[in-house]
Amino acid sequence: MNSDEIRKALEIIKEPITVNCIEYKYFDQENYNKLLNVYENCLWFANNLEQINLTIKILAKEKQELIDYLKEEIKLCKKAQVIALKNKMIEQIGNFNLRIATYEEILSKIEKSDE
């Protein structure tokens, strides 16, 4: 049903029906007003549903972009960590080379003094 059909149905419900000279009402005015409020609230939600869905899609996209960004940052941090470890190794190798050179120098002095 579209909005006009629902409005017409609500108007029909509002009008009393006469059967065998007895008048029947579906709703009194207070209950009719409540029904009308329910309809208008439903209509408001239905009209806003598209905007809500669009907002949800935008938020989902932003969430995925944030997840992707964080994954990239984690990868970069891991790469930086590996590079730092390699640099630390290079530094230690350099230290070992210095030690070797020092030990060779000491050994050379010891050998010269033995001669």
Protein backbone atom coordinates (compact mmCIF):
# COMPACT_ATOMS: atom_id res chain seq x y z
CA MET A 1 0.00 0.00 0.00
CA ASN A 2 1.19 3.46 -0.72
CA SER A 3 0.76 6.46 1.55
CA ASP A 4 -2.49 7.65 -0.09
CA GLU A 5 -4.10 4.22 0.20
CA ILE A 6 -3.17 4.01 3.85
CA ARG A 7 -4.62 7.49 4.49
CA LYS A 8 -7.88 6.46 2.78
CA ALA A 9 -8.01 3.27 4.86
CA LEU A 10 -7.51 5.30 8.03
CA GLU A 11 -10.36 7.62 7.04
CA ILE A 12 -12.61 4.60 6.39
CA ILE A 13 -11.73 3.21 9.81
CA LYS A 14 -12.60 6.56 11.38
CA GLU A 15 -16.12 6.60 9.90
CA PRO A 16 -18.82 4.64 11.68
CA ILE A 17 -20.66 1.80 9.92
CA THR A 18 -24.41 1.38 10.12
CA VAL A 19 -25.69 -2.18 10.12
CA ASN A 20 -29.42 -2.86 10.68
CA CYS A 21 -29.85 0.70 11.92
CA ILE A 22 -27.09 0.21 14.50
CA GLU A 23 -24.03 2.41 14.21
CA TYR A 24 -20.67 0.77 14.85
CA LYS A 25 -17.33 2.49 15.22
CA TYR A 26 -14.00 0.74 14.76
CA PHE A 27 -12.23 3.25 16.97
CA ASP A 28 -13.26 6.14 19.18
CA GLN A 29 -11.49 9.44 18.53
CA GLU A 30 -8.78 8.84 21.14
CA ASN A 31 -7.85 5.40 19.79
CA TYR A 32 -8.05 6.69 16.22
CA ASN A 33 -5.55 9.44 17.14
CA LYS A 34 -3.25 6.81 18.66
CA LEU A 35 -3.47 4.73 15.49
CA LEU A 36 -2.74 7.81 13.40
CA ASN A 37 0.31 8.60 15.56
CA VAL A 38 1.58 5.05 15.11
CA TYR A 39 1.16 5.35 11.35
CA GLU A 40 2.95 8.72 11.24
CA ASN A 41 5.82 7.35 13.36
CA CYS A 42 6.15 4.35 11.05
CA LEU A 43 6.12 6.66 8.05
CA TRP A 44 8.84 8.82 9.64
CA PHE A 45 11.02 5.74 10.27
CA ALA A 46 10.43 4.42 6.76
CA ASN A 47 11.41 7.77 5.26
CA ASN A 48 14.57 7.88 7.37
CA LEU A 49 15.52 4.27 6.75
CA GLU A 50 17.32 5.14 3.51
CA GLN A 51 19.41 7.78 5.30
CA ILE A 52 20.16 5.33 8.12
CA ASN A 53 21.26 2.66 5.64
CA LEU A 54 23.47 5.17 3.83
CA THR A 55 25.05 6.22 7.13
CA ILE A 56 25.67 2.56 8.02
CA LYS A 57 27.35 1.99 4.63
CA ILE A 58 29.56 5.05 5.14
CA LEU A 59 30.53 3.92 8.64
CA ALA A 60 31.24 0.39 7.40
CA LYS A 61 33.47 1.81 4.67
CA GLU A 62 35.31 4.03 7.17
CA LYS A 63 35.73 1.06 9.49
CA GLN A 64 37.23 -1.03 6.67
CA GLU A 65 39.54 1.84 5.68
CA LEU A 66 40.69 2.10 9.30
CA ILE A 67 41.28 -1.66 9.46
CA ASP A 68 43.27 -1.54 6.22
CA TYR A 69 45.28 1.44 7.49
CA LEU A 70 46.05 -0.33 10.76
CA LYS A 71 47.12 -3.49 8.91
CA GLU A 72 49.51 -1.42 6.79
CA GLU A 73 50.87 0.30 9.88
CA ILE A 74 51.45 -3.09 11.51
CA LYS A 75 53.29 -4.29 8.38
CA LEU A 76 55.44 -1.15 8.39
CA CYS A 77 56.19 -1.57 12.10
CA LYS A 78 57.19 -5.19 11.53
CA LYS A 79 59.45 -4.16 8.64
CA ALA A 80 60.97 -1.43 10.81
CA GLN A 81 61.48 -3.99 13.56
CA VAL A 82 63.28 -6.35 11.16
CA ILE A 83 65.42 -3.50 9.87
CA ALA A 84 66.24 -2.48 13.44
CA LEU A 85 67.20 -6.07 14.26
CA LYS A 86 69.39 -6.24 11.14
CA ASN A 87 71.00 -2.94 12.06
CA LYS A 88 71.57 -4.24 15.56
CA MET A 89 73.22 -7.33 14.05
CA ILE A 90 75.35 -5.17 11.81
CA GLU A 91 76.32 -3.13 14.84
CA GLN A 92 77.19 -6.30 16.72
CA ILE A 93 79.13 -7.66 13.72
CA GLY A 94 81.00 -4.36 13.68
CA ASN A 95 81.72 -4.83 17.37
CA PHE A 96 82.93 -8.37 16.68
CA ASN A 97 85.16 -7.06 13.86
CA LEU A 98 86.60 -4.49 16.26
CA ARG A 99 87.21 -7.20 18.82
CA ILE A 100 88.80 -9.44 16.20
CA ALA A 101 91.03 -6.59 15.08
CA THR A 102 91.94 -5.86 18.68
CA TYR A 103 92.62 -9.52 19.41
CA GLU A 104 94.68 -9.79 16.21
CA GLU A 105 96.63 -6.73 17.25
CA ILE A 106 97.22 -8.15 20.73
CA LEU A 107 98.17 -11.51 19.22
CA SER A 108 100.51 -9.78 16.81
CA LYS A 109 102.20 -7.93 19.69
CA ILE A 110 102.49 -11.15 21.65
CA GLU A 111 104.01 -12.96 18.66
CA LYS A 112 106.47 -10.09 18.08
CA SER A 113 107.50 -10.15 21.70
CA ASP A 114 108.14 -13.92 21.42
CA GLU A 115 110.62 -13.33 18.63
